[in-house]
């Protein structure tokens, strides 16, 4: 079986976030086999696809090295890139059936546009101990899919170096615990509106290089702050970096970016099937 490693939300290799994508399966293997392969790949997420009767529709699941997750943006983009560019599927859009509902990916200029659900937002009191765990004082905190800590400026976001274990306790009222976004608006002369980072020990990823699902809460938050639906983000993972353009469209978030294949490999084993 073929597998590709694809840098998502990147316009060149070794930027954005690498995701492994296995070629589409006829049926789901045993969950333990899926988890073992994700652990062997040891990237933020491995995407698994299952064919349906519609050649442009697939079931899609995502696994970190530690667990299956309910939503992943960069591995969804990587899956679409593998189908369209590596397997040459004749389509301009794809539909994915996932545990977070139906997701679509369309070609968009030189890249792709993901159609994802917007996450709920609720401003909360700064949780006790969060400033100490992060190493800086948030000016606002929001509960969404993940906990969002709005910081004073971009320099604060860049210099943070929290202990992953210290963040595991946070996320009450969020859809997922132990996962914290830090973000700040940037000056108008920058080529992005918001800088952010994502710390995800709750899903087995200490810091994620490019987090598409984080846009589902960040976009409605900063679209409101900026007074416009389009928001440009730079995720400042040390040594890589990722760029996103997003647009709030009612209760949906359009997430735009590019992807690059950096590796192709062949598995020398067959999936272990259920049963």
C-alpha atoms as a PDB file:
ATOM      1  CA  UNK A   1       0.000   0.000   0.000  1.00  0.00           C
ATOM      2  CA  UNK A   2       1.164   3.503  -0.786  1.00  0.00           C
ATOM      3  CA  UNK A   3       1.476   6.247   1.786  1.00  0.00           C
ATOM      4  CA  UNK A   4       2.413   9.880   1.368  1.00  0.00           C
ATOM      5  CA  UNK A   5       3.794  12.475   3.763  1.00  0.00           C
ATOM      6  CA  UNK A   6       2.352  15.858   2.858  1.00  0.00           C
ATOM      7  CA  UNK A   7       3.148  19.262   4.320  1.00  0.00           C
ATOM      8  CA  UNK A   8      -0.208  21.028   4.685  1.00  0.00           C
ATOM      9  CA  UNK A   9      -0.682  24.787   4.930  1.00  0.00           C
ATOM     10  CA  UNK A  10       2.673  25.159   3.210  1.00  0.00           C
ATOM     11  CA  UNK A  11       3.770  26.364  -0.224  1.00  0.00           C
ATOM     12  CA  UNK A  12       7.152  24.595  -0.023  1.00  0.00           C
ATOM     13  CA  UNK A  13       8.610  21.556   1.731  1.00  0.00           C
ATOM     14  CA  UNK A  14       9.405  21.562   5.448  1.00  0.00           C
ATOM     15  CA  UNK A  15       6.863  24.245   6.292  1.00  0.00           C
ATOM     16  CA  UNK A  16       3.318  23.883   7.598  1.00  0.00           C
ATOM     17  CA  UNK A  17       2.404  20.575   9.219  1.00  0.00           C
ATOM     18  CA  UNK A  18       3.312  17.097   7.948  1.00  0.00           C
ATOM     19  CA  UNK A  19       0.507  14.549   7.749  1.00  0.00           C
ATOM     20  CA  UNK A  20       0.738  10.942   6.594  1.00  0.00           C
ATOM     21  CA  UNK A  21      -2.020   9.762   4.253  1.00  0.00           C
ATOM     22  CA  UNK A  22      -2.599   6.097   3.488  1.00  0.00           C
ATOM     23  CA  UNK A  23      -4.140   5.195   0.131  1.00  0.00           C
ATOM     24  CA  UNK A  24      -7.919   4.588   0.362  1.00  0.00           C
ATOM     25  CA  UNK A  25      -9.099   1.328   1.925  1.00  0.00           C
ATOM     26  CA  UNK A  26     -12.056  -0.885   0.988  1.00  0.00           C
ATOM     27  CA  UNK A  27     -12.981  -1.399   4.660  1.00  0.00           C
ATOM     28  CA  UNK A  28     -11.769  -0.173   8.020  1.00  0.00           C
ATOM     29  CA  UNK A  29      -8.971  -2.241   9.539  1.00  0.00           C
ATOM     30  CA  UNK A  30      -8.783  -2.995  13.235  1.00  0.00           C
ATOM     31  CA  UNK A  31      -8.495   0.239  15.246  1.00  0.00           C
ATOM     32  CA  UNK A  32      -5.364  -1.082  16.923  1.00  0.00           C
ATOM     33  CA  UNK A  33      -3.677  -1.415  13.526  1.00  0.00           C
ATOM     34  CA  UNK A  34      -4.643   2.157  12.589  1.00  0.00           C
ATOM     35  CA  UNK A  35      -3.247   3.445  15.875  1.00  0.00           C
ATOM     36  CA  UNK A  36      -0.057   1.411  15.499  1.00  0.00           C
ATOM     37  CA  UNK A  37       0.612   2.848  12.047  1.00  0.00           C
ATOM     38  CA  UNK A  38      -0.032   6.396  13.291  1.00  0.00           C
ATOM     39  CA  UNK A  39       2.402   5.777  16.131  1.00  0.00           C
ATOM     40  CA  UNK A  40       4.967   4.400  13.660  1.00  0.00           C
ATOM     41  CA  UNK A  41       4.575   7.465  11.412  1.00  0.00           C
ATOM     42  CA  UNK A  42       5.031   9.738  14.447  1.00  0.00           C
ATOM     43  CA  UNK A  43       3.668  12.894  12.818  1.00  0.00           C
ATOM     44  CA  UNK A  44       0.888  15.031  14.276  1.00  0.00           C
ATOM     45  CA  UNK A  45      -1.805  13.089  12.394  1.00  0.00           C
ATOM     46  CA  UNK A  46      -2.166  10.175  10.047  1.00  0.00           C
ATOM     47  CA  UNK A  47      -5.235  10.307   7.793  1.00  0.00           C
ATOM     48  CA  UNK A  48      -7.093   7.117   6.861  1.00  0.00           C
ATOM     49  CA  UNK A  49      -9.580   7.019   3.978  1.00  0.00           C
ATOM     50  CA  UNK A  50     -12.262   4.472   3.102  1.00  0.00           C
ATOM     51  CA  UNK A  51     -13.856   4.332  -0.317  1.00  0.00           C
ATOM     52  CA  UNK A  52     -17.624   4.658  -0.842  1.00  0.00           C
ATOM     53  CA  UNK A  53     -19.875   4.027  -3.834  1.00  0.00           C
ATOM     54  CA  UNK A  54     -19.305   7.668  -4.867  1.00  0.00           C
ATOM     55  CA  UNK A  55     -15.770   8.059  -6.298  1.00  0.00           C
ATOM     56  CA  UNK A  56     -15.609  11.624  -4.961  1.00  0.00           C
ATOM     57  CA  UNK A  57     -16.757  10.781  -1.432  1.00  0.00           C
ATOM     58  CA  UNK A  58     -14.708   9.071   1.289  1.00  0.00           C
ATOM     59  CA  UNK A  59     -14.961   8.220   4.953  1.00  0.00           C
ATOM     60  CA  UNK A  60     -12.088   9.886   6.815  1.00  0.00           C
ATOM     61  CA  UNK A  61     -10.498   9.313  10.228  1.00  0.00           C
ATOM     62  CA  UNK A  62      -7.516  10.948  11.922  1.00  0.00           C
ATOM     63  CA  UNK A  63      -5.066   9.508  14.453  1.00  0.00           C
ATOM     64  CA  UNK A  64      -2.267  11.206  16.364  1.00  0.00           C
ATOM     65  CA  UNK A  65       0.505   8.927  17.649  1.00  0.00           C
ATOM     66  CA  UNK A  66      -1.525   8.655  20.872  1.00  0.00           C
ATOM     67  CA  UNK A  67      -5.220   8.610  19.940  1.00  0.00           C
ATOM     68  CA  UNK A  68      -7.983   9.093  17.385  1.00  0.00           C
ATOM     69  CA  UNK A  69      -9.182  12.710  17.232  1.00  0.00           C
ATOM     70  CA  UNK A  70     -12.617  14.073  16.259  1.00  0.00           C
ATOM     71  CA  UNK A  71     -11.427  16.810  13.878  1.00  0.00           C
ATOM     72  CA  UNK A  72      -8.218  17.659  12.025  1.00  0.00           C
ATOM     73  CA  UNK A  73      -7.757  20.340   9.393  1.00  0.00           C
ATOM     74  CA  UNK A  74      -4.248  19.821   8.076  1.00  0.00           C
ATOM     75  CA  UNK A  75      -4.679  16.053   7.609  1.00  0.00           C
ATOM     76  CA  UNK A  76      -7.979  16.691   5.780  1.00  0.00           C
ATOM     77  CA  UNK A  77      -6.153  19.006   3.394  1.00  0.00           C
ATOM     78  CA  UNK A  78      -3.380  16.417   3.031  1.00  0.00           C
ATOM     79  CA  UNK A  79      -5.949  13.693   2.261  1.00  0.00           C
ATOM     80  CA  UNK A  80      -7.495  15.836  -0.470  1.00  0.00           C
ATOM     81  CA  UNK A  81      -4.055  16.620  -1.891  1.00  0.00           C
ATOM     82  CA  UNK A  82      -3.161  12.910  -2.008  1.00  0.00           C
ATOM     83  CA  UNK A  83      -6.391  12.054  -3.829  1.00  0.00           C
ATOM     84  CA  UNK A  84      -6.239  14.910  -6.312  1.00  0.00           C
ATOM     85  CA  UNK A  85      -2.513  15.246  -6.985  1.00  0.00           C
ATOM     86  CA  UNK A  86      -1.034  11.812  -6.245  1.00  0.00           C
ATOM     87  CA  UNK A  87      -3.910   9.558  -7.316  1.00  0.00           C
ATOM     88  CA  UNK A  88      -5.126  12.045  -9.964  1.00  0.00           C
ATOM     89  CA  UNK A  89      -8.785  11.790  -9.057  1.00  0.00           C
ATOM     90  CA  UNK A  90     -10.738  13.793 -11.691  1.00  0.00           C
ATOM     91  CA  UNK A  91     -12.577  16.190  -9.396  1.00  0.00           C
ATOM     92  CA  UNK A  92     -12.554  19.803  -8.257  1.00  0.00           C
ATOM     93  CA  UNK A  93     -14.157  19.030  -4.895  1.00  0.00           C
ATOM     94  CA  UNK A  94     -14.288  16.117  -2.473  1.00  0.00           C
ATOM     95  CA  UNK A  95     -16.654  15.148   0.329  1.00  0.00           C
ATOM     96  CA  UNK A  96     -15.519  13.472   3.543  1.00  0.00           C
ATOM     97  CA  UNK A  97     -17.743  11.721   6.082  1.00  0.00           C
ATOM     98  CA  UNK A  98     -16.202  12.152   9.523  1.00  0.00           C
ATOM     99  CA  UNK A  99     -17.037  12.005  13.215  1.00  0.00           C
ATOM    100  CA  UNK A 100     -17.483  15.800  13.008  1.00  0.00           C
ATOM    101  CA  UNK A 101     -20.007  15.584  10.186  1.00  0.00           C
ATOM    102  CA  UNK A 102     -19.677  16.114   6.457  1.00  0.00           C
ATOM    103  CA  UNK A 103     -16.633  18.136   5.389  1.00  0.00           C
ATOM    104  CA  UNK A 104     -15.792  19.326   1.889  1.00  0.00           C
ATOM    105  CA  UNK A 105     -12.525  20.363   0.272  1.00  0.00           C
ATOM    106  CA  UNK A 106     -12.408  22.325  -2.971  1.00  0.00           C
ATOM    107  CA  UNK A 107      -9.572  23.412  -5.216  1.00  0.00           C
ATOM    108  CA  UNK A 108      -8.908  27.114  -4.607  1.00  0.00           C
ATOM    109  CA  UNK A 109      -6.411  28.931  -6.821  1.00  0.00           C
ATOM    110  CA  UNK A 110      -3.056  27.151  -6.258  1.00  0.00           C
ATOM    111  CA  UNK A 111      -4.307  25.368  -3.158  1.00  0.00           C
ATOM    112  CA  UNK A 112      -7.437  24.211  -1.360  1.00  0.00           C
ATOM    113  CA  UNK A 113     -10.421  25.506   0.597  1.00  0.00           C
ATOM    114  CA  UNK A 114     -11.784  23.482   3.522  1.00  0.00           C
ATOM    115  CA  UNK A 115     -15.410  23.963   4.565  1.00  0.00           C
ATOM    116  CA  UNK A 116     -15.536  23.327   8.338  1.00  0.00           C
ATOM    117  CA  UNK A 117     -18.078  24.054  11.091  1.00  0.00           C
ATOM    118  CA  UNK A 118     -17.559  27.142  13.234  1.00  0.00           C
ATOM    119  CA  UNK A 119     -17.030  26.304  16.906  1.00  0.00           C
ATOM    120  CA  UNK A 120     -19.017  27.868  19.766  1.00  0.00           C
ATOM    121  CA  UNK A 121     -17.329  30.693  21.666  1.00  0.00           C
ATOM    122  CA  UNK A 122     -17.800  31.759  25.264  1.00  0.00           C
ATOM    123  CA  UNK A 123     -15.629  34.260  27.119  1.00  0.00           C
ATOM    124  CA  UNK A 124     -14.636  32.957  30.551  1.00  0.00           C
ATOM    125  CA  UNK A 125     -12.681  34.128  33.564  1.00  0.00           C
ATOM    126  CA  UNK A 126      -8.975  33.383  33.280  1.00  0.00           C
ATOM    127  CA  UNK A 127      -8.633  29.923  34.888  1.00  0.00           C
ATOM    128  CA  UNK A 128      -6.551  29.782  38.029  1.00  0.00           C
ATOM    129  CA  UNK A 129      -3.025  28.718  37.220  1.00  0.00           C
ATOM    130  CA  UNK A 130      -3.232  29.283  33.455  1.00  0.00           C
ATOM    131  CA  UNK A 131      -0.893  32.289  33.439  1.00  0.00           C
ATOM    132  CA  UNK A 132       1.696  30.348  35.406  1.00  0.00           C
ATOM    133  CA  UNK A 133       1.351  27.317  33.118  1.00  0.00           C
ATOM    134  CA  UNK A 134       1.793  29.464  29.994  1.00  0.00           C
ATOM    135  CA  UNK A 135       4.435  31.752  31.413  1.00  0.00           C
ATOM    136  CA  UNK A 136       2.491  34.950  30.588  1.00  0.00           C
ATOM    137  CA  UNK A 137      -0.788  36.630  31.512  1.00  0.00           C
ATOM    138  CA  UNK A 138      -3.647  36.333  28.980  1.00  0.00           C
ATOM    139  CA  UNK A 139      -5.753  39.441  28.420  1.00  0.00           C
ATOM    140  CA  UNK A 140      -8.800  37.302  27.506  1.00  0.00           C
ATOM    141  CA  UNK A 141      -9.692  33.623  27.636  1.00  0.00           C
ATOM    142  CA  UNK A 142     -12.382  31.911  25.565  1.00  0.00           C
ATOM    143  CA  UNK A 143     -13.855  28.425  25.708  1.00  0.00           C
ATOM    144  CA  UNK A 144     -14.354  26.878  22.273  1.00  0.00           C
ATOM    145  CA  UNK A 145     -13.308  23.496  20.858  1.00  0.00           C
ATOM    146  CA  UNK A 146     -10.025  24.331  22.564  1.00  0.00           C
ATOM    147  CA  UNK A 147      -9.170  26.897  25.213  1.00  0.00           C
ATOM    148  CA  UNK A 148      -8.131  30.165  23.517  1.00  0.00           C
ATOM    149  CA  UNK A 149      -5.829  32.518  25.437  1.00  0.00           C
ATOM    150  CA  UNK A 150      -5.562  35.952  23.809  1.00  0.00           C
ATOM    151  CA  UNK A 151      -2.187  37.504  24.608  1.00  0.00           C
ATOM    152  CA  UNK A 152      -1.062  41.112  24.655  1.00  0.00           C
ATOM    153  CA  UNK A 153       1.170  41.013  21.549  1.00  0.00           C
ATOM    154  CA  UNK A 154       2.939  38.809  19.017  1.00  0.00           C
ATOM    155  CA  UNK A 155       6.233  38.793  20.928  1.00  0.00           C
ATOM    156  CA  UNK A 156       4.490  37.222  23.907  1.00  0.00           C
ATOM    157  CA  UNK A 157       3.075  34.459  21.689  1.00  0.00           C
ATOM    158  CA  UNK A 158       6.466  33.749  20.108  1.00  0.00           C
ATOM    159  CA  UNK A 159       8.443  33.489  23.339  1.00  0.00           C
ATOM    160  CA  UNK A 160       6.130  31.149  25.245  1.00  0.00           C
ATOM    161  CA  UNK A 161       7.613  27.825  26.293  1.00  0.00           C
ATOM    162  CA  UNK A 162       5.045  26.118  28.512  1.00  0.00           C
ATOM    163  CA  UNK A 163       5.477  22.687  30.024  1.00  0.00           C
ATOM    164  CA  UNK A 164       3.025  20.386  28.187  1.00  0.00           C
ATOM    165  CA  UNK A 165       2.088  18.598  31.384  1.00  0.00           C
ATOM    166  CA  UNK A 166       1.103  21.893  32.993  1.00  0.00           C
ATOM    167  CA  UNK A 167      -1.592  22.452  30.337  1.00  0.00           C
ATOM    168  CA  UNK A 168      -3.349  19.111  30.740  1.00  0.00           C
ATOM    169  CA  UNK A 169      -5.626  20.453  33.470  1.00  0.00           C
ATOM    170  CA  UNK A 170      -7.177  23.197  31.328  1.00  0.00           C
ATOM    171  CA  UNK A 171     -10.160  23.104  29.005  1.00  0.00           C
ATOM    172  CA  UNK A 172     -13.235  22.883  31.239  1.00  0.00           C
ATOM    173  CA  UNK A 173     -16.215  23.973  29.146  1.00  0.00           C
ATOM    174  CA  UNK A 174     -14.374  23.262  25.875  1.00  0.00           C
ATOM    175  CA  UNK A 175     -15.121  20.491  23.404  1.00  0.00           C
ATOM    176  CA  UNK A 176     -11.642  19.015  24.006  1.00  0.00           C
ATOM    177  CA  UNK A 177      -9.481  19.247  27.134  1.00  0.00           C
ATOM    178  CA  UNK A 178      -5.759  19.734  27.533  1.00  0.00           C
ATOM    179  CA  UNK A 179      -5.399  21.715  24.308  1.00  0.00           C
ATOM    180  CA  UNK A 180      -4.646  25.427  24.413  1.00  0.00           C
ATOM    181  CA  UNK A 181      -4.342  28.037  21.654  1.00  0.00           C
ATOM    182  CA  UNK A 182      -2.438  31.257  22.305  1.00  0.00           C
ATOM    183  CA  UNK A 183      -3.061  34.121  19.879  1.00  0.00           C
ATOM    184  CA  UNK A 184      -2.575  37.861  19.446  1.00  0.00           C
ATOM    185  CA  UNK A 185      -3.426  40.460  16.835  1.00  0.00           C
ATOM    186  CA  UNK A 186      -0.485  41.810  14.832  1.00  0.00           C
ATOM    187  CA  UNK A 187       0.227  45.339  13.552  1.00  0.00           C
ATOM    188  CA  UNK A 188      -1.565  46.376  10.360  1.00  0.00           C
ATOM    189  CA  UNK A 189       1.650  46.458   8.323  1.00  0.00           C
ATOM    190  CA  UNK A 190       2.144  42.695   8.759  1.00  0.00           C
ATOM    191  CA  UNK A 191       1.078  40.237   6.049  1.00  0.00           C
ATOM    192  CA  UNK A 192      -1.136  38.460   8.587  1.00  0.00           C
ATOM    193  CA  UNK A 193      -3.729  39.673  11.076  1.00  0.00           C
ATOM    194  CA  UNK A 194      -3.186  37.170  13.895  1.00  0.00           C
ATOM    195  CA  UNK A 195      -0.263  35.124  15.179  1.00  0.00           C
ATOM    196  CA  UNK A 196      -0.993  31.930  17.100  1.00  0.00           C
ATOM    197  CA  UNK A 197       0.428  28.696  18.478  1.00  0.00           C
ATOM    198  CA  UNK A 198      -1.264  25.451  19.524  1.00  0.00           C
ATOM    199  CA  UNK A 199      -0.273  23.284  22.478  1.00  0.00           C
ATOM    200  CA  UNK A 200      -2.074  19.913  22.476  1.00  0.00           C
ATOM    201  CA  UNK A 201      -0.821  17.530  25.160  1.00  0.00           C
ATOM    202  CA  UNK A 202      -4.419  16.384  25.603  1.00  0.00           C
ATOM    203  CA  UNK A 203      -4.242  14.655  22.205  1.00  0.00           C
ATOM    204  CA  UNK A 204      -0.629  13.564  22.510  1.00  0.00           C
ATOM    205  CA  UNK A 205       0.907  16.479  20.549  1.00  0.00           C
ATOM    206  CA  UNK A 206       2.968  18.837  22.710  1.00  0.00           C
ATOM    207  CA  UNK A 207       2.922  21.589  20.055  1.00  0.00           C
ATOM    208  CA  UNK A 208       1.286  21.309  16.659  1.00  0.00           C
ATOM    209  CA  UNK A 209       2.966  23.025  13.674  1.00  0.00           C
ATOM    210  CA  UNK A 210      -0.245  23.948  11.801  1.00  0.00           C
ATOM    211  CA  UNK A 211      -3.713  23.404  13.225  1.00  0.00           C
ATOM    212  CA  UNK A 212      -6.587  23.748  10.794  1.00  0.00           C
ATOM    213  CA  UNK A 213      -9.234  22.866  13.375  1.00  0.00           C
ATOM    214  CA  UNK A 214      -8.065  25.768  15.561  1.00  0.00           C
ATOM    215  CA  UNK A 215      -9.390  28.142  12.885  1.00  0.00           C
ATOM    216  CA  UNK A 216     -12.939  27.009  13.702  1.00  0.00           C
ATOM    217  CA  UNK A 217     -12.844  29.008  16.932  1.00  0.00           C
ATOM    218  CA  UNK A 218     -10.174  31.569  16.095  1.00  0.00           C
ATOM    219  CA  UNK A 219     -11.931  32.770  12.944  1.00  0.00           C
ATOM    220  CA  UNK A 220     -15.243  33.842  14.513  1.00  0.00           C
ATOM    221  CA  UNK A 221     -13.348  35.394  17.436  1.00  0.00           C
ATOM    222  CA  UNK A 222     -11.009  37.534  15.355  1.00  0.00           C
ATOM    223  CA  UNK A 223     -13.513  38.231  12.585  1.00  0.00           C
ATOM    224  CA  UNK A 224     -15.554  39.944  15.293  1.00  0.00           C
ATOM    225  CA  UNK A 225     -12.524  41.817  16.630  1.00  0.00           C
ATOM    226  CA  UNK A 226     -11.428  42.948  13.154  1.00  0.00           C
ATOM    227  CA  UNK A 227     -14.939  43.727  11.923  1.00  0.00           C
ATOM    228  CA  UNK A 228     -14.614  41.655   8.716  1.00  0.00           C
ATOM    229  CA  UNK A 229     -15.138  38.016   7.725  1.00  0.00           C
ATOM    230  CA  UNK A 230     -11.670  37.331   6.244  1.00  0.00           C
ATOM    231  CA  UNK A 231      -8.799  36.759   8.693  1.00  0.00           C
ATOM    232  CA  UNK A 232      -5.175  35.895   7.845  1.00  0.00           C
ATOM    233  CA  UNK A 233      -3.280  33.783  10.373  1.00  0.00           C
ATOM    234  CA  UNK A 234       0.352  32.861  10.893  1.00  0.00           C
ATOM    235  CA  UNK A 235       0.947  29.866  13.178  1.00  0.00           C
ATOM    236  CA  UNK A 236       4.412  30.436  14.605  1.00  0.00           C
ATOM    237  CA  UNK A 237       5.686  26.950  15.331  1.00  0.00           C
ATOM    238  CA  UNK A 238       9.455  27.336  15.927  1.00  0.00           C
ATOM    239  CA  UNK A 239      11.449  26.407  12.836  1.00  0.00           C
ATOM    240  CA  UNK A 240       8.471  25.934  10.482  1.00  0.00           C
ATOM    241  CA  UNK A 241       5.509  28.308  10.354  1.00  0.00           C
ATOM    242  CA  UNK A 242       2.161  28.016   8.560  1.00  0.00           C
ATOM    243  CA  UNK A 243      -0.175  30.450   6.842  1.00  0.00           C
ATOM    244  CA  UNK A 244      -3.959  30.369   6.631  1.00  0.00           C
ATOM    245  CA  UNK A 245      -6.589  32.578   5.067  1.00  0.00           C
ATOM    246  CA  UNK A 246     -10.002  32.015   6.583  1.00  0.00           C
ATOM    247  CA  UNK A 247     -13.465  33.395   5.954  1.00  0.00           C
ATOM    248  CA  UNK A 248     -16.451  33.265   8.283  1.00  0.00           C
ATOM    249  CA  UNK A 249     -19.615  32.316   6.367  1.00  0.00           C
ATOM    250  CA  UNK A 250     -22.511  32.038   8.811  1.00  0.00           C
ATOM    251  CA  UNK A 251     -21.946  28.931  10.913  1.00  0.00           C
ATOM    252  CA  UNK A 252     -19.151  27.678   8.620  1.00  0.00           C
ATOM    253  CA  UNK A 253     -15.476  28.567   8.337  1.00  0.00           C
ATOM    254  CA  UNK A 254     -13.639  28.457   5.002  1.00  0.00           C
ATOM    255  CA  UNK A 255      -9.975  27.577   5.598  1.00  0.00           C
ATOM    256  CA  UNK A 256      -7.569  28.163   2.695  1.00  0.00           C
ATOM    257  CA  UNK A 257      -3.997  27.113   2.097  1.00  0.00           C
ATOM    258  CA  UNK A 258      -1.611  25.012   0.043  1.00  0.00           C
ATOM    259  CA  UNK A 259      -0.008  21.590   0.390  1.00  0.00           C
ATOM    260  CA  UNK A 260       3.194  19.923  -0.837  1.00  0.00           C
ATOM    261  CA  UNK A 261       4.071  16.214  -1.054  1.00  0.00           C
ATOM    262  CA  UNK A 262       7.498  15.561   0.465  1.00  0.00           C
ATOM    263  CA  UNK A 263       7.637  11.771   0.622  1.00  0.00           C
ATOM    264  CA  UNK A 264       6.105   8.641  -0.889  1.00  0.00           C
ATOM    265  CA  UNK A 265       6.490   5.231   0.737  1.00  0.00           C
ATOM    266  CA  UNK A 266       5.148   1.683   0.476  1.00  0.00           C
ATOM    267  CA  UNK A 267       3.918  -0.359   3.441  1.00  0.00           C
ATOM    268  CA  UNK A 268       5.224  -3.948   3.550  1.00  0.00           C
ATOM    269  CA  UNK A 269       2.268  -5.309   5.449  1.00  0.00           C
ATOM    270  CA  UNK A 270      -1.480  -5.574   5.028  1.00  0.00           C
ATOM    271  CA  UNK A 271      -4.012  -4.006   7.379  1.00  0.00           C
ATOM    272  CA  UNK A 272      -5.404  -6.193  10.139  1.00  0.00           C
ATOM    273  CA  UNK A 273      -9.158  -6.340   9.591  1.00  0.00           C
ATOM    274  CA  UNK A 274     -11.854  -6.295  12.235  1.00  0.00           C
ATOM    275  CA  UNK A 275     -13.553  -9.440  13.250  1.00  0.00           C
END
